[in-house]
Amino acid sequence: MDDLFLTRPREAQPARPEAWLGTVVPKRHARRAVTRTLLKRQIRASVQQSASQGLSTLRPGLWVVRLRAGFDRGAFPSASSDALRNAAREELDAVVGQAVRKLAVVALAPARRS
């Protein structure tokens, strides 16, 4: 698992909980290390871009993005092609956008009373 600390360094931040992002790219879905690295970088970039655009910041806690299925090897000419990079980024942006929308709905929903 690859961890990314998404808040400011400890000495520059006020006392508040932190958000951590983990990426899991199994070897069975991405055989070559260059592909796994490319996908991990795209995951981090997508989450950071959504946070920098003010769409949403991750709530404090542990967040994990896991590759559940591989990309079709015949559709991409090399392990780190621009086509693979673009396909991964489009899918990640859609997934991150969906997560942001779900977080917004949960944040706006009234608290349940027990």
Protein backbone atom coordinates (compact mmCIF):
# COMPACT_ATOMS: atom_id res chain seq x y z
CA MET A 1 0.00 0.00 0.00
CA ASP A 2 1.24 3.45 -0.90
CA ASP A 3 0.34 6.23 1.53
CA LEU A 4 -0.11 9.90 0.73
CA PHE A 5 -0.50 12.49 3.47
CA LEU A 6 -3.09 14.98 2.23
CA THR A 7 -2.81 17.72 4.82
CA ARG A 8 -0.10 20.20 5.67
CA PRO A 9 3.03 19.15 7.56
CA ARG A 10 2.44 18.59 11.26
CA GLU A 11 4.29 21.72 12.40
CA ALA A 12 2.29 23.98 10.06
CA GLN A 13 -1.20 22.66 10.81
CA PRO A 14 -3.56 23.28 13.66
CA ALA A 15 -4.51 20.33 15.85
CA ARG A 16 -7.01 18.41 13.72
CA PRO A 17 -7.45 14.87 12.47
CA GLU A 18 -5.64 13.84 9.30
CA ALA A 19 -6.70 12.20 6.06
CA TRP A 20 -4.52 9.47 4.59
CA LEU A 21 -4.84 8.06 1.09
CA GLY A 22 -3.73 4.53 0.33
CA THR A 23 -3.42 3.03 -3.13
CA VAL A 24 -3.56 -0.66 -3.91
CA VAL A 25 -2.63 -1.82 -7.40
CA PRO A 26 -2.30 -5.63 -7.39
CA LYS A 27 0.22 -7.36 -9.59
CA ARG A 28 -2.45 -9.62 -11.04
CA HIS A 29 -4.17 -6.57 -12.61
CA ALA A 30 -1.03 -4.66 -13.62
CA ARG A 31 1.87 -7.04 -14.23
CA ARG A 32 4.55 -4.47 -14.96
CA ALA A 33 5.92 -2.18 -12.26
CA VAL A 34 5.87 0.81 -14.60
CA THR A 35 2.10 0.34 -15.04
CA ARG A 36 1.51 0.03 -11.30
CA THR A 37 3.53 3.18 -10.67
CA LEU A 38 1.67 5.08 -13.39
CA LEU A 39 -1.68 4.08 -11.91
CA LYS A 40 -0.64 5.05 -8.36
CA ARG A 41 0.51 8.45 -9.58
CA GLN A 42 -2.75 8.98 -11.44
CA ILE A 43 -4.74 8.08 -8.31
CA ARG A 44 -2.82 10.58 -6.18
CA ALA A 45 -3.06 13.29 -8.85
CA SER A 46 -6.80 12.84 -9.27
CA VAL A 47 -7.50 13.11 -5.54
CA GLN A 48 -5.16 16.08 -5.12
CA GLN A 49 -6.71 17.85 -8.13
CA SER A 50 -10.22 17.48 -6.71
CA ALA A 51 -9.02 18.86 -3.38
CA SER A 52 -7.18 21.78 -4.99
CA GLN A 53 -10.25 22.70 -7.04
CA GLY A 54 -12.17 23.03 -3.82
CA LEU A 55 -14.57 20.24 -4.73
CA SER A 56 -14.02 18.49 -1.46
CA THR A 57 -11.32 17.53 0.90
CA LEU A 58 -11.26 14.07 2.33
CA ARG A 59 -12.69 13.71 5.76
CA PRO A 60 -10.23 12.67 8.44
CA GLY A 61 -9.46 8.99 8.34
CA LEU A 62 -8.03 6.32 6.10
CA TRP A 63 -9.05 6.29 2.43
CA VAL A 64 -8.06 3.49 0.08
CA VAL A 65 -8.34 3.36 -3.70
CA ARG A 66 -7.95 -0.17 -5.04
CA LEU A 67 -7.66 -1.33 -8.65
CA ARG A 68 -10.34 -4.02 -8.94
CA ALA A 69 -9.84 -5.01 -12.57
CA GLY A 70 -7.04 -4.70 -15.08
CA PHE A 71 -6.99 -2.66 -18.25
CA ASP A 72 -7.17 -4.50 -21.58
CA ARG A 73 -3.54 -5.09 -22.57
CA GLY A 74 -4.43 -5.19 -26.29
CA ALA A 75 -5.90 -1.69 -26.19
CA PHE A 76 -2.73 0.00 -24.95
CA PRO A 77 0.55 -0.17 -26.90
CA SER A 78 2.88 0.05 -23.91
CA ALA A 79 2.85 -0.26 -20.15
CA SER A 80 3.09 3.50 -19.66
CA SER A 81 1.45 4.88 -22.80
CA ASP A 82 -0.40 8.17 -22.97
CA ALA A 83 -3.53 6.23 -23.92
CA LEU A 84 -3.35 4.22 -20.67
CA ARG A 85 -2.61 7.36 -18.66
CA ASN A 86 -5.63 9.16 -20.16
CA ALA A 87 -7.96 6.17 -19.75
CA ALA A 88 -6.94 5.73 -16.12
CA ARG A 89 -7.30 9.44 -15.39
CA GLU A 90 -10.77 9.63 -16.93
CA GLU A 91 -11.96 6.68 -14.88
CA LEU A 92 -10.36 8.00 -11.69
CA ASP A 93 -11.83 11.47 -12.15
CA ALA A 94 -15.27 9.86 -12.53
CA VAL A 95 -14.79 7.73 -9.40
CA VAL A 96 -13.43 10.63 -7.33
CA GLY A 97 -16.27 12.86 -8.56
CA GLN A 98 -18.80 10.23 -7.55
CA ALA A 99 -17.22 9.95 -4.10
CA VAL A 100 -17.24 13.74 -3.69
CA ARG A 101 -20.94 13.86 -4.58
CA LYS A 102 -21.71 11.10 -2.07
CA LEU A 103 -19.76 12.90 0.65
CA ALA A 104 -21.67 16.12 -0.09
CA VAL A 105 -25.01 14.33 0.16
CA VAL A 106 -24.03 12.71 3.45
CA ALA A 107 -22.78 16.05 4.83
CA LEU A 108 -26.05 17.81 3.90
CA ALA A 109 -28.33 15.06 5.20
CA PRO A 110 -29.92 15.81 8.56
CA ALA A 111 -28.54 13.82 11.46
CA ARG A 112 -30.60 10.75 12.34
CA ARG A 113 -32.21 10.73 15.73
CA SER A 114 -32.05 7.54 17.74
